[in-house]
Amino acid sequence: MEQETVLKEILHAFKLHAQHIDEKMDGLKTELESKMNDMKTSLESLETKMDKGFSRVDYQITELGKKSMESVLN
């Protein structure tokens, strides 16, 4: 009978430990998802800034081309 009690206690301890690990893993998963979402937002912001920068460069190159053509024609 004592062995059965000890085995039940061990089983209960394993069950508690498994629950603790599950909770910790869920917390880590949530934290990782949050960090990934933050990184995605940062990358999207960077992409927007780069698009604006490239648009400015394109505009400047176009304007420079126009000025070059005007100086050739005049």
C-alpha atoms as a PDB file:
ATOM      1  CA  MET A   1       0.000   0.000   0.000  1.00  0.00           C
ATOM      2  CA  GLU A   2       2.837   2.364   0.794  1.00  0.00           C
ATOM      3  CA  GLN A   3       4.365   1.797  -2.653  1.00  0.00           C
ATOM      4  CA  GLU A   4       1.077   2.748  -4.262  1.00  0.00           C
ATOM      5  CA  THR A   5       0.987   6.004  -2.275  1.00  0.00           C
ATOM      6  CA  VAL A   6       4.587   6.811  -3.221  1.00  0.00           C
ATOM      7  CA  LEU A   7       3.864   6.086  -6.884  1.00  0.00           C
ATOM      8  CA  LYS A   8       0.775   8.311  -6.773  1.00  0.00           C
ATOM      9  CA  GLU A   9       2.846  11.101  -5.210  1.00  0.00           C
ATOM     10  CA  ILE A  10       5.500  10.713  -7.901  1.00  0.00           C
ATOM     11  CA  LEU A  11       2.851  10.717 -10.618  1.00  0.00           C
ATOM     12  CA  HIS A  12       1.269  13.819  -9.089  1.00  0.00           C
ATOM     13  CA  ALA A  13       4.687  15.533  -8.944  1.00  0.00           C
ATOM     14  CA  PHE A  14       5.280  14.697 -12.628  1.00  0.00           C
ATOM     15  CA  LYS A  15       1.870  16.067 -13.498  1.00  0.00           C
ATOM     16  CA  LEU A  16       2.574  19.334 -11.657  1.00  0.00           C
ATOM     17  CA  HIS A  17       5.982  19.584 -13.288  1.00  0.00           C
ATOM     18  CA  ALA A  18       4.453  19.020 -16.742  1.00  0.00           C
ATOM     19  CA  GLN A  19       1.878  21.741 -16.078  1.00  0.00           C
ATOM     20  CA  HIS A  20       4.646  24.112 -14.986  1.00  0.00           C
ATOM     21  CA  ILE A  21       6.626  23.379 -18.151  1.00  0.00           C
ATOM     22  CA  ASP A  22       3.504  23.882 -20.300  1.00  0.00           C
ATOM     23  CA  GLU A  23       2.856  27.257 -18.646  1.00  0.00           C
ATOM     24  CA  LYS A  24       6.468  28.311 -19.113  1.00  0.00           C
ATOM     25  CA  MET A  25       6.431  27.221 -22.770  1.00  0.00           C
ATOM     26  CA  ASP A  26       3.185  29.120 -23.366  1.00  0.00           C
ATOM     27  CA  GLY A  27       4.768  32.223 -21.843  1.00  0.00           C
ATOM     28  CA  LEU A  28       7.866  31.853 -24.014  1.00  0.00           C
ATOM     29  CA  LYS A  29       5.688  31.346 -27.090  1.00  0.00           C
ATOM     30  CA  THR A  30       3.715  34.499 -26.319  1.00  0.00           C
ATOM     31  CA  GLU A  31       6.916  36.454 -25.722  1.00  0.00           C
ATOM     32  CA  LEU A  32       8.431  35.193 -28.976  1.00  0.00           C
ATOM     33  CA  GLU A  33       5.291  36.039 -30.949  1.00  0.00           C
ATOM     34  CA  SER A  34       5.321  39.540 -29.462  1.00  0.00           C
ATOM     35  CA  LYS A  35       8.969  40.063 -30.375  1.00  0.00           C
ATOM     36  CA  MET A  36       8.339  38.757 -33.887  1.00  0.00           C
ATOM     37  CA  ASN A  37       5.408  41.156 -34.307  1.00  0.00           C
ATOM     38  CA  ASP A  38       7.616  44.021 -33.102  1.00  0.00           C
ATOM     39  CA  MET A  39      10.285  43.045 -35.624  1.00  0.00           C
ATOM     40  CA  LYS A  40       7.688  42.834 -38.396  1.00  0.00           C
ATOM     41  CA  THR A  41       6.452  46.323 -37.530  1.00  0.00           C
ATOM     42  CA  SER A  42      10.013  47.653 -37.497  1.00  0.00           C
ATOM     43  CA  LEU A  43      10.759  46.064 -40.867  1.00  0.00           C
ATOM     44  CA  GLU A  44       7.570  47.472 -42.368  1.00  0.00           C
ATOM     45  CA  SER A  45       8.536  50.920 -41.089  1.00  0.00           C
ATOM     46  CA  LEU A  46      12.024  50.543 -42.524  1.00  0.00           C
ATOM     47  CA  GLU A  47      10.556  49.408 -45.841  1.00  0.00           C
ATOM     48  CA  THR A  48       8.355  52.512 -45.941  1.00  0.00           C
ATOM     49  CA  LYS A  49      11.338  54.766 -45.217  1.00  0.00           C
ATOM     50  CA  MET A  50      13.386  53.052 -47.911  1.00  0.00           C
ATOM     51  CA  ASP A  51      10.557  53.393 -50.436  1.00  0.00           C
ATOM     52  CA  LYS A  52      10.365  57.131 -49.698  1.00  0.00           C
ATOM     53  CA  GLY A  53      14.128  57.444 -50.023  1.00  0.00           C
ATOM     54  CA  PHE A  54      14.180  55.620 -53.331  1.00  0.00           C
ATOM     55  CA  SER A  55      11.343  57.800 -54.591  1.00  0.00           C
ATOM     56  CA  ARG A  56      13.354  60.914 -53.693  1.00  0.00           C
ATOM     57  CA  VAL A  57      16.419  59.543 -55.469  1.00  0.00           C
ATOM     58  CA  ASP A  58      14.347  58.681 -58.546  1.00  0.00           C
ATOM     59  CA  TYR A  59      12.883  62.196 -58.549  1.00  0.00           C
ATOM     60  CA  GLN A  60      16.325  63.779 -58.195  1.00  0.00           C
ATOM     61  CA  ILE A  61      17.734  61.655 -61.016  1.00  0.00           C
ATOM     62  CA  THR A  62      14.769  62.591 -63.215  1.00  0.00           C
ATOM     63  CA  GLU A  63      15.239  66.285 -62.450  1.00  0.00           C
ATOM     64  CA  LEU A  64      18.965  66.020 -63.098  1.00  0.00           C
ATOM     65  CA  GLY A  65      18.219  64.336 -66.426  1.00  0.00           C
ATOM     66  CA  LYS A  66      15.830  67.150 -67.355  1.00  0.00           C
ATOM     67  CA  LYS A  67      18.448  69.772 -66.522  1.00  0.00           C
ATOM     68  CA  SER A  68      21.069  67.900 -68.542  1.00  0.00           C
ATOM     69  CA  MET A  69      18.732  67.724 -71.528  1.00  0.00           C
ATOM     70  CA  GLU A  70      17.927  71.444 -71.232  1.00  0.00           C
ATOM     71  CA  SER A  71      21.613  72.352 -71.166  1.00  0.00           C
ATOM     72  CA  VAL A  72      22.273  70.172 -74.236  1.00  0.00           C
ATOM     73  CA  LEU A  73      19.364  71.726 -76.146  1.00  0.00           C
ATOM     74  CA  ASN A  74      20.298  75.309 -75.268  1.00  0.00           C
END
